[in-house]
C-alpha atoms as a PDB file:
ATOM      1  CA  MET A   1       0.000   0.000   0.000  1.00  0.00           C
ATOM      2  CA  LEU A   2       2.822   2.431   0.869  1.00  0.00           C
ATOM      3  CA  ARG A   3       4.701   1.590  -2.331  1.00  0.00           C
ATOM      4  CA  ILE A   4       1.657   2.428  -4.432  1.00  0.00           C
ATOM      5  CA  ILE A   5       1.455   5.883  -2.784  1.00  0.00           C
ATOM      6  CA  ILE A   6       5.219   6.687  -2.640  1.00  0.00           C
ATOM      7  CA  ILE A   7       6.129   5.770  -6.276  1.00  0.00           C
ATOM      8  CA  PRO A   8       3.617   8.190  -7.955  1.00  0.00           C
ATOM      9  CA  ALA A   9       4.652  10.928  -5.491  1.00  0.00           C
ATOM     10  CA  LEU A  10       8.357  10.539  -6.436  1.00  0.00           C
ATOM     11  CA  ILE A  11       7.479  10.584 -10.152  1.00  0.00           C
ATOM     12  CA  PHE A  12       5.469  13.775  -9.655  1.00  0.00           C
ATOM     13  CA  LEU A  13       8.387  15.463  -7.827  1.00  0.00           C
ATOM     14  CA  LEU A  14      10.833  14.478 -10.603  1.00  0.00           C
ATOM     15  CA  VAL A  15       8.506  15.933 -13.251  1.00  0.00           C
ATOM     16  CA  VAL A  16       8.171  19.222 -11.348  1.00  0.00           C
ATOM     17  CA  VAL A  17      11.956  19.553 -10.818  1.00  0.00           C
ATOM     18  CA  SER A  18      12.781  18.760 -14.455  1.00  0.00           C
ATOM     19  CA  GLU A  19      10.243  21.296 -15.720  1.00  0.00           C
ATOM     20  CA  GLY A  20      11.585  23.967 -13.345  1.00  0.00           C
ATOM     21  CA  GLN A  21      15.182  23.510 -14.599  1.00  0.00           C
ATOM     22  CA  ALA A  22      14.257  23.503 -18.319  1.00  0.00           C
ATOM     23  CA  PRO A  23      14.607  26.833 -20.276  1.00  0.00           C
ATOM     24  CA  ALA A  24      11.455  28.921 -20.531  1.00  0.00           C
ATOM     25  CA  THR A  25      11.755  29.401 -24.329  1.00  0.00           C
ATOM     26  CA  SER A  26      11.386  25.717 -25.141  1.00  0.00           C
ATOM     27  CA  PRO A  27       8.781  24.147 -22.881  1.00  0.00           C
ATOM     28  CA  SER A  28       7.860  21.536 -25.460  1.00  0.00           C
ATOM     29  CA  THR A  29      11.392  20.068 -25.793  1.00  0.00           C
ATOM     30  CA  THR A  30      11.378  18.512 -22.309  1.00  0.00           C
ATOM     31  CA  PRO A  31      11.045  14.742 -22.522  1.00  0.00           C
ATOM     32  CA  ALA A  32       7.721  13.543 -21.265  1.00  0.00           C
ATOM     33  CA  ILE A  33       8.016  11.060 -18.461  1.00  0.00           C
ATOM     34  CA  VAL A  34       5.721   8.151 -19.058  1.00  0.00           C
ATOM     35  CA  PRO A  35       3.942   7.232 -15.822  1.00  0.00           C
ATOM     36  CA  PRO A  36       3.808   3.573 -14.938  1.00  0.00           C
ATOM     37  CA  PRO A  37       0.793   1.748 -16.301  1.00  0.00           C
ATOM     38  CA  SER A  38      -2.101   1.715 -13.919  1.00  0.00           C
ATOM     39  CA  THR A  39      -5.450   0.077 -13.909  1.00  0.00           C
ATOM     40  CA  THR A  40      -7.305   3.366 -13.386  1.00  0.00           C
ATOM     41  CA  PRO A  41      -8.514   5.260 -16.493  1.00  0.00           C
ATOM     42  CA  LEU A  42      -6.095   7.999 -17.551  1.00  0.00           C
ATOM     43  CA  PRO A  43      -7.350  11.608 -17.440  1.00  0.00           C
ATOM     44  CA  PRO A  44      -7.807  13.420 -20.765  1.00  0.00           C
ATOM     45  CA  PRO A  45      -4.590  14.994 -22.065  1.00  0.00           C
ATOM     46  CA  VAL A  46      -4.109  18.640 -21.202  1.00  0.00           C
ATOM     47  CA  ALA A  47      -3.174  20.900 -24.091  1.00  0.00           C
ATOM     48  CA  PRO A  48       0.080  22.791 -23.502  1.00  0.00           C
ATOM     49  CA  VAL A  49      -0.426  26.421 -22.669  1.00  0.00           C
ATOM     50  CA  SER A  50       0.770  28.672 -25.485  1.00  0.00           C
ATOM     51  CA  ASN A  51       3.093  31.423 -24.349  1.00  0.00           C
ATOM     52  CA  PRO A  52       1.820  34.930 -25.132  1.00  0.00           C
ATOM     53  CA  PRO A  53       3.942  36.847 -27.674  1.00  0.00           C
ATOM     54  CA  ILE A  54       6.578  38.972 -26.038  1.00  0.00           C
ATOM     55  CA  PRO A  55       6.738  42.508 -27.495  1.00  0.00           C
ATOM     56  CA  PRO A  56      10.217  43.574 -28.669  1.00  0.00           C
ATOM     57  CA  PRO A  57      12.018  45.884 -26.304  1.00  0.00           C
ATOM     58  CA  GLN A  58      11.603  49.548 -27.258  1.00  0.00           C
ATOM     59  CA  PRO A  59      14.685  51.807 -27.377  1.00  0.00           C
ATOM     60  CA  PRO A  60      14.829  54.487 -24.717  1.00  0.00           C
ATOM     61  CA  THR A  61      13.291  57.757 -25.827  1.00  0.00           C
ATOM     62  CA  SER A  62      15.819  60.582 -25.878  1.00  0.00           C
ATOM     63  CA  PRO A  63      14.689  64.081 -24.883  1.00  0.00           C
ATOM     64  CA  PRO A  64      14.362  66.688 -27.676  1.00  0.00           C
ATOM     65  CA  PRO A  65      17.538  68.715 -28.346  1.00  0.00           C
ATOM     66  CA  ALA A  66      17.626  71.950 -26.426  1.00  0.00           C
ATOM     67  CA  PRO A  67      18.027  75.166 -28.494  1.00  0.00           C
ATOM     68  CA  PRO A  68      21.456  76.752 -28.275  1.00  0.00           C
ATOM     69  CA  VAL A  69      21.662  79.320 -25.549  1.00  0.00           C
ATOM     70  CA  SER A  70      24.318  81.956 -25.710  1.00  0.00           C
ATOM     71  CA  ALA A  71      26.290  82.250 -22.518  1.00  0.00           C
ATOM     72  CA  PRO A  72      23.844  80.894 -20.037  1.00  0.00           C
ATOM     73  CA  SER A  73      24.128  82.630 -16.780  1.00  0.00           C
ATOM     74  CA  THR A  74      22.800  79.586 -14.941  1.00  0.00           C
ATOM     75  CA  PRO A  75      23.964  76.027 -15.402  1.00  0.00           C
ATOM     76  CA  PRO A  76      21.669  73.889 -17.530  1.00  0.00           C
ATOM     77  CA  PRO A  77      19.176  71.711 -15.664  1.00  0.00           C
ATOM     78  CA  PRO A  78      20.274  68.108 -15.233  1.00  0.00           C
ATOM     79  CA  LEU A  79      19.043  65.687 -17.821  1.00  0.00           C
ATOM     80  CA  PRO A  80      16.470  63.145 -16.684  1.00  0.00           C
ATOM     81  CA  ALA A  81      17.896  59.720 -16.100  1.00  0.00           C
ATOM     82  CA  SER A  82      17.219  57.289 -18.881  1.00  0.00           C
ATOM     83  CA  THR A  83      14.569  54.745 -17.963  1.00  0.00           C
ATOM     84  CA  PRO A  84      15.751  51.128 -18.157  1.00  0.00           C
ATOM     85  CA  PRO A  85      14.085  48.946 -20.753  1.00  0.00           C
ATOM     86  CA  PRO A  86      11.072  47.006 -19.456  1.00  0.00           C
ATOM     87  CA  LEU A  87      11.861  43.535 -18.357  1.00  0.00           C
ATOM     88  CA  PRO A  88      10.280  40.712 -20.356  1.00  0.00           C
ATOM     89  CA  ALA A  89       7.223  39.201 -18.778  1.00  0.00           C
ATOM     90  CA  PRO A  90       8.031  35.948 -17.028  1.00  0.00           C
ATOM     91  CA  THR A  91       6.726  32.924 -18.791  1.00  0.00           C
ATOM     92  CA  PRO A  92       4.148  31.007 -16.792  1.00  0.00           C
ATOM     93  CA  PRO A  93       5.287  27.570 -15.718  1.00  0.00           C
ATOM     94  CA  PRO A  94       3.843  24.714 -17.720  1.00  0.00           C
ATOM     95  CA  VAL A  95       0.821  23.035 -16.285  1.00  0.00           C
ATOM     96  CA  ALA A  96       1.856  19.802 -14.647  1.00  0.00           C
ATOM     97  CA  SER A  97      -0.216  16.763 -15.358  1.00  0.00           C
ATOM     98  CA  PRO A  98      -2.352  15.707 -12.395  1.00  0.00           C
ATOM     99  CA  PRO A  99      -0.844  12.896 -10.367  1.00  0.00           C
ATOM    100  CA  THR A 100      -2.170   9.493 -11.081  1.00  0.00           C
ATOM    101  CA  VAL A 101      -4.518   8.213  -8.447  1.00  0.00           C
ATOM    102  CA  PRO A 102      -3.357   4.864  -7.085  1.00  0.00           C
ATOM    103  CA  PRO A 103      -5.867   2.063  -7.477  1.00  0.00           C
ATOM    104  CA  PRO A 104      -7.973   1.414  -4.404  1.00  0.00           C
ATOM    105  CA  ALA A 105      -6.773  -1.347  -2.173  1.00  0.00           C
ATOM    106  CA  PRO A 106      -8.837  -4.521  -2.478  1.00  0.00           C
ATOM    107  CA  ALA A 107     -11.192  -5.109   0.384  1.00  0.00           C
ATOM    108  CA  PRO A 108      -9.995  -7.799   2.783  1.00  0.00           C
ATOM    109  CA  ILE A 109     -11.731 -11.106   2.277  1.00  0.00           C
ATOM    110  CA  PRO A 110     -13.617 -12.025   5.437  1.00  0.00           C
ATOM    111  CA  PRO A 111     -12.587 -15.375   6.868  1.00  0.00           C
ATOM    112  CA  PRO A 112     -15.105 -18.187   6.468  1.00  0.00           C
ATOM    113  CA  PRO A 113     -17.322 -18.704   9.483  1.00  0.00           C
ATOM    114  CA  ALA A 114     -16.118 -21.312  11.884  1.00  0.00           C
ATOM    115  CA  PRO A 115     -18.188 -24.501  11.848  1.00  0.00           C
ATOM    116  CA  ALA A 116     -20.534 -24.860  14.750  1.00  0.00           C
ATOM    117  CA  PRO A 117     -19.245 -27.318  17.342  1.00  0.00           C
ATOM    118  CA  THR A 118     -21.097 -30.593  17.246  1.00  0.00           C
ATOM    119  CA  PRO A 119     -22.732 -31.431  20.563  1.00  0.00           C
ATOM    120  CA  PRO A 120     -21.226 -34.455  22.275  1.00  0.00           C
ATOM    121  CA  PRO A 121     -23.350 -37.597  22.235  1.00  0.00           C
ATOM    122  CA  PRO A 122     -25.446 -38.062  25.362  1.00  0.00           C
ATOM    123  CA  ALA A 123     -23.864 -40.239  27.980  1.00  0.00           C
ATOM    124  CA  PRO A 124     -25.580 -43.601  28.384  1.00  0.00           C
ATOM    125  CA  ALA A 125     -27.767 -43.880  31.438  1.00  0.00           C
ATOM    126  CA  PRO A 126     -26.198 -45.984  34.184  1.00  0.00           C
ATOM    127  CA  ALA A 127     -27.662 -49.465  34.388  1.00  0.00           C
ATOM    128  CA  PRO A 128     -29.674 -50.061  37.549  1.00  0.00           C
ATOM    129  CA  PRO A 129     -27.899 -52.383  39.993  1.00  0.00           C
ATOM    130  CA  PRO A 130     -29.318 -55.881  40.242  1.00  0.00           C
ATOM    131  CA  PRO A 131     -31.700 -56.340  43.156  1.00  0.00           C
ATOM    132  CA  THR A 132     -30.042 -57.889  46.172  1.00  0.00           C
ATOM    133  CA  PRO A 133     -31.862 -60.876  47.608  1.00  0.00           C
ATOM    134  CA  ALA A 134     -33.484 -60.247  50.948  1.00  0.00           C
ATOM    135  CA  PRO A 135     -31.734 -62.048  53.808  1.00  0.00           C
ATOM    136  CA  ALA A 136     -33.565 -65.040  55.125  1.00  0.00           C
ATOM    137  CA  PRO A 137     -35.101 -64.496  58.558  1.00  0.00           C
ATOM    138  CA  VAL A 138     -33.087 -66.026  61.340  1.00  0.00           C
ATOM    139  CA  ALA A 139     -35.106 -68.287  63.559  1.00  0.00           C
ATOM    140  CA  LEU A 140     -34.687 -67.194  67.145  1.00  0.00           C
ATOM    141  CA  PRO A 141     -35.023 -69.651  69.959  1.00  0.00           C
ATOM    142  CA  PRO A 142     -38.101 -69.196  72.118  1.00  0.00           C
ATOM    143  CA  ALA A 143     -37.599 -66.932  75.077  1.00  0.00           C
ATOM    144  CA  PRO A 144     -37.570 -68.663  78.418  1.00  0.00           C
ATOM    145  CA  THR A 145     -40.648 -68.111  80.488  1.00  0.00           C
ATOM    146  CA  PRO A 146     -39.891 -66.153  83.664  1.00  0.00           C
ATOM    147  CA  GLU A 147     -40.536 -67.883  86.885  1.00  0.00           C
ATOM    148  CA  MET A 148     -43.189 -66.181  89.006  1.00  0.00           C
ATOM    149  CA  SER A 149     -41.894 -65.696  92.522  1.00  0.00           C
ATOM    150  CA  PRO A 150     -44.155 -64.540  95.338  1.00  0.00           C
ATOM    151  CA  SER A 151     -43.944 -60.807  95.972  1.00  0.00           C
ATOM    152  CA  PRO A 152     -42.607 -59.823  99.386  1.00  0.00           C
ATOM    153  CA  ALA A 153     -44.898 -58.118 101.840  1.00  0.00           C
ATOM    154  CA  PRO A 154     -44.605 -54.323 102.035  1.00  0.00           C
ATOM    155  CA  ALA A 155     -42.532 -52.987 104.868  1.00  0.00           C
ATOM    156  CA  PRO A 156     -44.361 -50.978 107.506  1.00  0.00           C
ATOM    157  CA  THR A 157     -43.906 -47.193 107.120  1.00  0.00           C
ATOM    158  CA  LYS A 158     -43.180 -44.911 110.033  1.00  0.00           C
ATOM    159  CA  HIS A 159     -44.882 -41.832 108.535  1.00  0.00           C
ATOM    160  CA  LYS A 160     -48.512 -41.146 109.066  1.00  0.00           C
ATOM    161  CA  HIS A 161     -50.796 -41.141 106.116  1.00  0.00           C
ATOM    162  CA  ARG A 162     -51.737 -37.617 105.175  1.00  0.00           C
ATOM    163  CA  ARG A 163     -55.181 -36.943 103.944  1.00  0.00           C
ATOM    164  CA  HIS A 164     -55.330 -35.285 100.574  1.00  0.00           C
ATOM    165  CA  ARG A 165     -57.631 -32.351 100.491  1.00  0.00           C
ATOM    166  CA  HIS A 166     -59.658 -32.236  97.354  1.00  0.00           C
ATOM    167  CA  LYS A 167     -60.118 -28.853  95.768  1.00  0.00           C
ATOM    168  CA  LYS A 168     -63.634 -27.746  95.285  1.00  0.00           C
ATOM    169  CA  HIS A 169     -64.478 -27.108  91.683  1.00  0.00           C
ATOM    170  CA  HIS A 170     -66.459 -23.916  91.216  1.00  0.00           C
ATOM    171  CA  ALA A 171     -69.227 -23.783  88.694  1.00  0.00           C
ATOM    172  CA  PRO A 172     -68.361 -21.843  85.489  1.00  0.00           C
ATOM    173  CA  ALA A 173     -69.497 -18.258  85.324  1.00  0.00           C
ATOM    174  CA  PRO A 174     -72.663 -17.765  83.331  1.00  0.00           C
ATOM    175  CA  SER A 175     -72.066 -16.375  79.828  1.00  0.00           C
ATOM    176  CA  PRO A 176     -73.611 -12.981  79.135  1.00  0.00           C
ATOM    177  CA  VAL A 177     -76.833 -13.217  77.254  1.00  0.00           C
ATOM    178  CA  ALA A 178     -77.268 -10.703  74.437  1.00  0.00           C
ATOM    179  CA  LYS A 179     -80.469  -8.806  74.837  1.00  0.00           C
ATOM    180  CA  SER A 180     -82.677  -8.791  71.814  1.00  0.00           C
ATOM    181  CA  PRO A 181     -83.929  -5.403  70.619  1.00  0.00           C
ATOM    182  CA  PRO A 182     -87.420  -4.533  71.715  1.00  0.00           C
ATOM    183  CA  ALA A 183     -90.159  -5.437  69.332  1.00  0.00           C
ATOM    184  CA  PRO A 184     -91.588  -2.521  67.393  1.00  0.00           C
ATOM    185  CA  VAL A 185     -94.915  -1.237  68.503  1.00  0.00           C
ATOM    186  CA  THR A 186     -97.615  -2.218  66.108  1.00  0.00           C
ATOM    187  CA  THR A 187    -100.591   0.035  65.676  1.00  0.00           C
ATOM    188  CA  THR A 188    -103.753  -1.478  64.386  1.00  0.00           C
ATOM    189  CA  ASP A 189    -105.675   1.776  64.047  1.00  0.00           C
ATOM    190  CA  SER A 190    -103.446   3.368  61.368  1.00  0.00           C
ATOM    191  CA  ASP A 191    -104.201   3.002  57.675  1.00  0.00           C
ATOM    192  CA  ASP A 192    -100.542   2.268  56.801  1.00  0.00           C
ATOM    193  CA  THR A 193    -100.295  -1.207  55.317  1.00  0.00           C
ATOM    194  CA  ALA A 194     -96.458  -1.291  55.148  1.00  0.00           C
ATOM    195  CA  PRO A 195     -94.938  -4.168  57.102  1.00  0.00           C
ATOM    196  CA  ALA A 196     -93.264  -3.359  60.329  1.00  0.00           C
ATOM    197  CA  PRO A 197     -89.438  -3.199  60.117  1.00  0.00           C
ATOM    198  CA  SER A 198     -87.882  -6.417  61.224  1.00  0.00           C
ATOM    199  CA  PRO A 199     -85.081  -6.231  63.804  1.00  0.00           C
ATOM    200  CA  THR A 200     -83.009  -8.629  61.677  1.00  0.00           C
ATOM    201  CA  LEU A 201     -83.054  -6.275  58.662  1.00  0.00           C
ATOM    202  CA  ASP A 202     -81.336  -3.435  60.464  1.00  0.00           C
ATOM    203  CA  LEU A 203     -78.553  -2.433  58.004  1.00  0.00           C
ATOM    204  CA  SER A 204     -77.040   0.383  60.025  1.00  0.00           C
ATOM    205  CA  ASN A 205     -74.388  -1.867  61.533  1.00  0.00           C
ATOM    206  CA  GLY A 206     -73.717  -3.526  58.178  1.00  0.00           C
ATOM    207  CA  ARG A 207     -73.281  -0.169  56.494  1.00  0.00           C
ATOM    208  CA  THR A 208     -70.817   0.903  59.168  1.00  0.00           C
ATOM    209  CA  LEU A 209     -68.873  -2.346  58.826  1.00  0.00           C
ATOM    210  CA  PHE A 210     -68.823  -1.971  55.036  1.00  0.00           C
ATOM    211  CA  GLN A 211     -67.473   1.572  55.292  1.00  0.00           C
ATOM    212  CA  ASN A 212     -64.820   0.539  57.819  1.00  0.00           C
ATOM    213  CA  GLY A 213     -63.837  -2.418  55.642  1.00  0.00           C
ATOM    214  CA  GLY A 214     -63.557  -0.200  52.552  1.00  0.00           C
ATOM    215  CA  VAL A 215     -61.330   2.279  54.399  1.00  0.00           C
ATOM    216  CA  GLY A 216     -59.150  -0.556  55.685  1.00  0.00           C
ATOM    217  CA  PHE A 217     -58.850  -2.048  52.191  1.00  0.00           C
ATOM    218  CA  ILE A 218     -57.807   1.305  50.707  1.00  0.00           C
ATOM    219  CA  ILE A 219     -55.192   1.796  53.453  1.00  0.00           C
ATOM    220  CA  ALA A 220     -53.822  -1.716  52.819  1.00  0.00           C
ATOM    221  CA  VAL A 221     -53.548  -1.058  49.064  1.00  0.00           C
ATOM    222  CA  LEU A 222     -51.716   2.233  49.699  1.00  0.00           C
ATOM    223  CA  LEU A 223     -49.283   0.508  52.070  1.00  0.00           C
ATOM    224  CA  VAL A 224     -48.571  -2.176  49.458  1.00  0.00           C
ATOM    225  CA  PHE A 225     -47.834   0.431  46.778  1.00  0.00           C
ATOM    226  CA  MET A 226     -45.645   2.485  49.130  1.00  0.00           C
ATOM    227  CA  SER A 227     -43.590  -0.538  50.126  1.00  0.00           C
END
């Protein structure tokens, strides 16, 4: 890659130096350096720039002759200095051919993908061990029957027998009996045919319990979200 860039740069520098050292009057006599063949298309040839015609140098204009003066009392004025001839216009340097662009480097070929590793074969399951035969029961000899000996008489005790006092068991306290609400007063003389409210359909306590339960449920949900 570096050789492809350095070689055209050196050729371009040699062309510029050789054109700078060549005389300006003969720009077309310099040998053309053939660039190395490249795979890129060559640019169109550039026509050499024609040098503009140089005008011939004009002779210096002399001042008109002064008339003869008889016995000048003052010295004559000094003559103006002659102007030097105009210098020829410098010739423009020849247009150098554009440097050849090196061909682009080929893209690196990606390596082929590695083959996927084959999974190892599954290990065979261990064979179950053969069942061991159960040991035969050993016949034990019959246990000897114990001989019943007469129990000895209890020895007399020196301590007096204490009487155990039995605790008196009190009867359980009677459980409180909930009083039933008084029955509503029924009036037979009124024309109202609506049934009397039943004490079992009193929803005041249920409404209170429902409200308390709703408040407790909301507080529990808030605590869960806050935690």
